[in-house]
């Protein structure tokens, strides 16, 4: 078996982790749909929300 082939933790499908559309968990899930189905959210969404909140605090502190 080649080094770049992984088995999706959620659906069990073999996939090439280099082509996975999952932005942060390429070595774990075949795609963002399996990531969301297994975790209930995607890491990308979680980080995007964190960045938004962090920006809000900056604006409040500058006032």
N, C-alpha and C. Protein backbone atom coordinates (compact mmCIF):
# COMPACT_ATOMS: atom_id res chain seq x y z
N UNK A 1 0.85 -1.19 0.00
CA UNK A 1 0.00 0.00 0.00
C UNK A 1 0.89 1.25 0.00
N UNK A 2 0.49 2.25 -0.73
CA UNK A 2 1.29 3.48 -0.84
C UNK A 2 1.15 4.32 0.43
N UNK A 3 2.18 5.12 0.71
CA UNK A 3 2.23 5.95 1.92
C UNK A 3 1.13 7.02 1.96
N UNK A 4 0.69 7.51 0.83
CA UNK A 4 -0.29 8.60 0.81
C UNK A 4 -1.75 8.13 0.86
N UNK A 5 -1.98 6.83 0.90
CA UNK A 5 -3.35 6.31 0.99
C UNK A 5 -3.69 6.12 2.47
N UNK A 6 -4.81 6.69 2.89
CA UNK A 6 -5.30 6.57 4.26
C UNK A 6 -6.72 6.01 4.22
N UNK A 7 -7.22 5.58 5.37
CA UNK A 7 -8.60 5.11 5.51
C UNK A 7 -9.35 6.16 6.33
N UNK A 8 -10.47 6.64 5.80
CA UNK A 8 -11.27 7.67 6.48
C UNK A 8 -11.77 7.13 7.83
N UNK A 9 -11.58 7.89 8.86
CA UNK A 9 -12.01 7.50 10.20
C UNK A 9 -13.53 7.39 10.31
N UNK A 10 -14.25 8.15 9.50
CA UNK A 10 -15.72 8.14 9.58
C UNK A 10 -16.34 7.05 8.69
N UNK A 11 -16.01 7.08 7.40
CA UNK A 11 -16.71 6.18 6.47
C UNK A 11 -15.91 4.94 6.08
N UNK A 12 -14.63 4.90 6.40
CA UNK A 12 -13.81 3.73 6.11
C UNK A 12 -13.33 3.62 4.67
N UNK A 13 -13.54 4.64 3.87
CA UNK A 13 -13.13 4.63 2.47
C UNK A 13 -11.64 4.94 2.34
N UNK A 14 -10.91 4.20 1.51
CA UNK A 14 -9.51 4.57 1.25
C UNK A 14 -9.47 5.85 0.42
N UNK A 15 -8.55 6.74 0.73
CA UNK A 15 -8.43 8.00 0.00
C UNK A 15 -6.98 8.48 0.01
N UNK A 16 -6.65 9.31 -0.96
CA UNK A 16 -5.33 9.94 -1.04
C UNK A 16 -5.40 11.21 -0.20
N UNK A 17 -4.73 11.24 0.94
CA UNK A 17 -4.85 12.37 1.86
C UNK A 17 -4.41 13.68 1.23
N UNK A 18 -3.57 13.63 0.20
CA UNK A 18 -3.12 14.88 -0.45
C UNK A 18 -4.24 15.55 -1.22
N UNK A 19 -5.29 14.80 -1.57
CA UNK A 19 -6.42 15.34 -2.33
C UNK A 19 -7.65 15.59 -1.47
N UNK A 20 -7.55 15.37 -0.19
CA UNK A 20 -8.70 15.56 0.69
C UNK A 20 -9.07 17.04 0.80
N UNK A 21 -10.35 17.38 0.61
CA UNK A 21 -10.77 18.77 0.76
C UNK A 21 -10.88 19.22 2.22
N UNK A 22 -10.67 18.32 3.16
CA UNK A 22 -10.66 18.70 4.57
C UNK A 22 -9.42 19.56 4.80
N UNK A 23 -9.61 20.79 5.21
CA UNK A 23 -8.49 21.73 5.31
C UNK A 23 -7.50 21.37 6.41
N UNK A 24 -7.95 20.88 7.55
CA UNK A 24 -7.06 20.68 8.69
C UNK A 24 -6.87 19.22 9.08
N UNK A 25 -7.80 18.33 8.71
CA UNK A 25 -7.69 16.94 9.12
C UNK A 25 -7.54 16.00 7.92
N UNK A 26 -6.67 16.37 6.99
CA UNK A 26 -6.46 15.59 5.77
C UNK A 26 -6.03 14.16 6.06
N UNK A 27 -5.31 13.93 7.14
CA UNK A 27 -4.80 12.59 7.43
C UNK A 27 -5.84 11.74 8.17
N UNK A 28 -6.99 12.31 8.50
CA UNK A 28 -8.01 11.60 9.28
C UNK A 28 -9.29 11.33 8.49
N UNK A 29 -9.75 12.32 7.72
CA UNK A 29 -11.02 12.21 7.01
C UNK A 29 -10.83 12.41 5.51
N UNK A 30 -11.66 11.71 4.72
CA UNK A 30 -11.57 11.82 3.26
C UNK A 30 -12.08 13.17 2.76
N UNK A 31 -12.88 13.85 3.56
CA UNK A 31 -13.41 15.15 3.15
C UNK A 31 -14.07 15.88 4.31
N UNK A 32 -14.46 17.10 4.05
CA UNK A 32 -15.07 17.92 5.09
C UNK A 32 -16.44 17.40 5.53
N UNK A 33 -17.15 16.68 4.64
CA UNK A 33 -18.44 16.12 5.04
C UNK A 33 -18.27 15.03 6.10
N UNK A 34 -17.26 14.16 5.94
CA UNK A 34 -16.99 13.13 6.95
C UNK A 34 -16.47 13.76 8.23
N UNK A 35 -15.66 14.79 8.10
CA UNK A 35 -15.16 15.51 9.28
C UNK A 35 -16.33 16.07 10.09
N UNK A 36 -17.26 16.72 9.40
CA UNK A 36 -18.41 17.30 10.09
C UNK A 36 -19.33 16.21 10.67
N UNK A 37 -19.53 15.14 9.93
CA UNK A 37 -20.39 14.05 10.40
C UNK A 37 -19.82 13.40 11.65
N UNK A 38 -18.50 13.25 11.72
CA UNK A 38 -17.87 12.58 12.85
C UNK A 38 -17.72 13.50 14.06
N UNK A 39 -17.34 14.75 13.83
CA UNK A 39 -17.09 15.68 14.92
C UNK A 39 -18.30 16.54 15.29
N UNK A 40 -19.19 16.74 14.32
CA UNK A 40 -20.32 17.64 14.53
C UNK A 40 -20.01 19.05 14.05
N UNK A 41 -18.79 19.28 13.63
CA UNK A 41 -18.34 20.57 13.10
C UNK A 41 -17.06 20.32 12.32
N UNK A 42 -16.61 21.32 11.58
CA UNK A 42 -15.30 21.22 10.94
C UNK A 42 -14.33 22.14 11.67
N UNK A 43 -13.07 21.76 11.71
CA UNK A 43 -12.06 22.57 12.36
C UNK A 43 -11.98 23.95 11.69
N UNK A 44 -12.13 23.98 10.37
CA UNK A 44 -12.09 25.24 9.63
C UNK A 44 -13.17 26.20 10.12
N UNK A 45 -14.39 25.71 10.32
CA UNK A 45 -15.49 26.54 10.82
C UNK A 45 -15.20 27.02 12.24
N UNK A 46 -14.69 26.13 13.06
CA UNK A 46 -14.35 26.49 14.44
C UNK A 46 -13.31 27.60 14.48
N UNK A 47 -12.27 27.49 13.68
CA UNK A 47 -11.22 28.51 13.65
C UNK A 47 -11.71 29.81 13.04
N UNK A 48 -12.56 29.72 12.03
CA UNK A 48 -13.10 30.94 11.42
C UNK A 48 -13.93 31.72 12.44
N UNK A 49 -14.75 31.01 13.23
CA UNK A 49 -15.55 31.66 14.26
C UNK A 49 -14.65 32.28 15.32
N UNK A 50 -13.57 31.61 15.68
CA UNK A 50 -12.63 32.13 16.67
C UNK A 50 -11.98 33.41 16.19
N UNK A 51 -11.58 33.44 14.93
CA UNK A 51 -10.96 34.64 14.37
C UNK A 51 -11.95 35.81 14.39
N UNK A 52 -13.21 35.55 14.10
CA UNK A 52 -14.22 36.60 14.09
C UNK A 52 -14.39 37.18 15.48
N UNK A 53 -14.49 36.33 16.47
CA UNK A 53 -14.66 36.78 17.86
C UNK A 53 -13.43 37.56 18.29
N UNK A 54 -12.25 37.08 17.94
CA UNK A 54 -11.02 37.76 18.31
C UNK A 54 -10.99 39.17 17.74
N UNK A 55 -11.48 39.33 16.50
CA UNK A 55 -11.55 40.64 15.88
C UNK A 55 -12.51 41.57 16.63
N UNK A 56 -13.60 41.04 17.13
CA UNK A 56 -14.55 41.82 17.91
C UNK A 56 -13.91 42.35 19.19
N UNK A 57 -13.13 41.52 19.88
CA UNK A 57 -12.47 41.97 21.10
C UNK A 57 -11.48 43.09 20.83
N UNK A 58 -10.79 43.02 19.71
CA UNK A 58 -9.85 44.09 19.35
C UNK A 58 -10.59 45.42 19.21
N UNK A 59 -11.71 45.40 18.55
CA UNK A 59 -12.50 46.62 18.35
C UNK A 59 -12.99 47.16 19.70
N UNK A 60 -13.42 46.28 20.60
CA UNK A 60 -13.89 46.72 21.91
C UNK A 60 -12.77 47.31 22.75
N UNK A 61 -11.61 46.71 22.70
CA UNK A 61 -10.48 47.19 23.50
C UNK A 61 -9.94 48.52 22.96
N UNK A 62 -10.09 48.76 21.67
CA UNK A 62 -9.59 49.99 21.07
C UNK A 62 -10.47 51.19 21.44
N UNK A 63 -11.70 50.92 21.84
CA UNK A 63 -12.64 52.01 22.15
C UNK A 63 -12.32 52.72 23.44
